[in-house]
Protein backbone atom coordinates (compact mmCIF):
# COMPACT_ATOMS: atom_id res chain seq x y z
CA ARG A 1 -13.38 12.42 30.17
CA ASP A 2 -13.48 8.74 29.37
CA MET A 3 -12.03 9.40 25.86
CA GLU A 4 -8.98 11.41 27.46
CA GLN A 5 -8.30 8.22 29.61
CA ILE A 6 -8.50 6.04 26.54
CA ASN A 7 -6.26 8.33 24.58
CA GLU A 8 -3.73 8.21 27.40
CA THR A 9 -3.59 4.50 27.51
CA LEU A 10 -3.11 3.88 23.79
CA PRO A 11 0.35 3.69 22.37
CA GLN A 12 1.37 6.85 20.50
CA PRO A 13 2.93 6.61 17.05
CA GLN A 14 6.38 7.91 16.41
CA LYS A 15 6.62 11.60 15.56
CA ARG A 16 8.52 10.72 12.45
CA ALA A 17 8.97 7.35 10.79
CA GLY A 18 12.45 6.03 10.33
CA TRP A 19 13.61 4.87 6.86
CA LYS A 20 13.60 1.15 7.94
CA LEU A 21 9.90 1.49 8.95
CA ILE A 22 9.19 3.33 5.77
CA LEU A 23 10.98 0.45 3.68
CA LEU A 24 8.80 -2.18 5.55
CA LEU A 25 5.69 -0.03 4.77
CA GLN A 26 6.57 -0.03 1.14
CA LEU A 27 6.88 -3.96 1.25
CA ALA A 28 3.50 -4.15 2.68
CA ILE A 29 2.20 -1.87 -0.13
CA LEU A 30 3.83 -4.13 -2.58
CA LEU A 31 1.99 -7.01 -0.96
CA PHE A 32 -1.29 -5.08 -1.56
CA SER A 33 -0.22 -4.53 -5.09
CA CYS A 34 0.22 -8.22 -5.59
CA CYS A 35 -3.40 -8.66 -4.40
CA THR A 36 -4.60 -6.31 -7.13
CA LEU A 37 -2.37 -8.26 -9.59
CA LEU A 38 -3.93 -11.63 -8.68
CA MET A 39 -7.41 -10.05 -9.10
CA LYS A 40 -6.52 -8.87 -12.69
CA LEU A 41 -5.24 -12.36 -13.53
CA ALA A 42 -8.32 -13.99 -12.00
CA ALA A 43 -10.48 -11.69 -14.34
CA GLN A 44 -9.09 -13.46 -17.30
CA TYR A 45 -10.76 -16.74 -16.32
CA GLU A 46 -14.43 -17.65 -16.28
CA THR A 47 -15.97 -16.79 -12.83
CA LEU A 48 -15.99 -19.80 -10.47
CA SER A 49 -13.48 -21.86 -12.53
CA TRP A 50 -10.66 -23.43 -10.75
CA ASN A 51 -8.15 -20.94 -11.93
CA TRP A 52 -10.54 -18.04 -10.99
CA ILE A 53 -11.01 -19.50 -7.55
CA LEU A 54 -7.30 -19.99 -6.93
CA LEU A 55 -6.22 -16.62 -8.08
CA TYR A 56 -9.23 -14.74 -6.50
CA GLY A 57 -8.86 -16.76 -3.20
CA THR A 58 -5.09 -16.11 -3.01
CA GLY A 59 -5.91 -12.46 -3.54
CA VAL A 60 -8.50 -12.26 -0.84
CA PHE A 61 -6.09 -14.12 1.53
CA ILE A 62 -3.28 -11.59 0.72
CA LEU A 63 -5.66 -8.67 1.26
CA GLY A 64 -6.67 -9.99 4.57
CA SER A 65 -3.05 -10.37 5.61
CA TYR A 66 -2.31 -6.92 4.29
CA ALA A 67 -5.10 -5.53 6.49
CA LEU A 68 -3.58 -6.96 9.58
CA ILE A 69 -0.12 -5.73 8.59
CA TRP A 70 -1.60 -2.30 7.73
CA GLN A 71 -2.96 -2.01 11.29
CA GLN A 72 0.51 -2.41 12.77
CA PHE A 73 1.83 0.37 10.60
CA LEU A 74 -1.14 2.57 11.65
CA LYS A 75 -0.20 1.81 15.31
CA ARG A 76 3.44 2.81 14.88
CA MET A 77 3.48 5.62 12.40
CA PRO A 78 1.78 8.93 11.93
CA LEU A 79 -1.42 8.52 9.90
CA VAL A 80 -0.47 10.99 7.13
CA THR A 81 2.79 9.20 6.58
CA VAL A 82 1.10 5.84 6.14
CA TYR A 83 -1.64 7.12 3.93
CA ALA A 84 0.77 9.24 1.88
CA ASN A 85 2.96 6.13 1.19
CA ARG A 86 -0.08 4.14 -0.08
CA ALA A 87 0.01 6.24 -3.16
CA THR A 88 3.03 4.19 -4.19
CA ALA A 89 0.65 1.40 -5.15
CA MET A 90 0.26 3.39 -8.38
CA PHE A 91 3.89 2.90 -9.17
CA TRP A 92 3.78 -0.88 -8.49
CA SER A 93 0.62 -1.27 -10.46
CA MET A 94 2.36 0.51 -13.41
CA ILE A 95 5.45 -1.69 -13.18
CA PHE A 96 3.23 -4.89 -13.05
CA GLY A 97 1.17 -3.69 -15.91
CA PHE A 98 4.22 -3.11 -18.09
CA PHE A 99 6.06 -6.27 -17.45
CA LEU A 100 3.23 -8.87 -16.99
CA PHE A 101 0.37 -7.38 -19.26
CA HIS A 102 2.61 -5.55 -21.74
CA GLU A 103 0.70 -2.23 -20.97
CA THR A 104 2.23 0.97 -22.13
CA ILE A 105 3.82 3.50 -19.82
CA THR A 106 3.35 6.96 -20.96
CA TRP A 107 5.30 10.08 -20.26
CA ASN A 108 2.18 11.38 -18.33
CA MET A 109 2.23 8.17 -16.16
CA ILE A 110 5.90 8.76 -15.33
CA ALA A 111 5.23 12.47 -14.56
CA GLY A 112 2.27 11.40 -12.18
CA VAL A 113 4.36 8.87 -10.52
CA THR A 114 7.16 11.43 -10.04
CA VAL A 115 4.64 13.91 -8.49
CA ILE A 116 3.59 11.13 -6.11
CA PHE A 117 7.08 10.43 -5.08
CA VAL A 118 7.83 14.16 -4.51
CA GLY A 119 4.72 14.49 -2.43
CA ILE A 120 5.49 11.56 -0.35
CA TYR A 121 8.94 12.87 0.26
CA LEU A 122 7.51 16.19 1.38
CA VAL A 123 5.04 14.59 3.72
CA VAL A 124 7.48 12.08 5.26
CA THR A 125 10.26 14.64 5.90
CA SER A 126 7.78 17.33 7.30
CA ASP A 127 5.80 15.15 9.74
CA GLY A 128 8.29 15.53 12.60
CA GLU A 129 8.36 19.40 12.35
């Protein structure tokens, strides 16, 4: 009985997320991807060196900020939509790897990211049905 009362007082997420909210979610996921980028950069330095501390510390700060922002999306959007969109971090990681670390993008990677985007589209467009 108490859980029913709690559920009634909690704000309910929208049935279907609007594109503006999806775009903001993508910016948050890009922020998360920047955190992993900073961690990779930090790994190139000796542990506890000033460069490592700066990069790793900035990454941890960004990760904490991302966690607070993430909670706001969980409050406003259906859970399945939020988590499906998180998979776009793979895309951002691939782009960062290519441009900043000169990593190779293969056709299999492109196919995988395409499947991710198609899956996200299917999830996002069906959560209101």
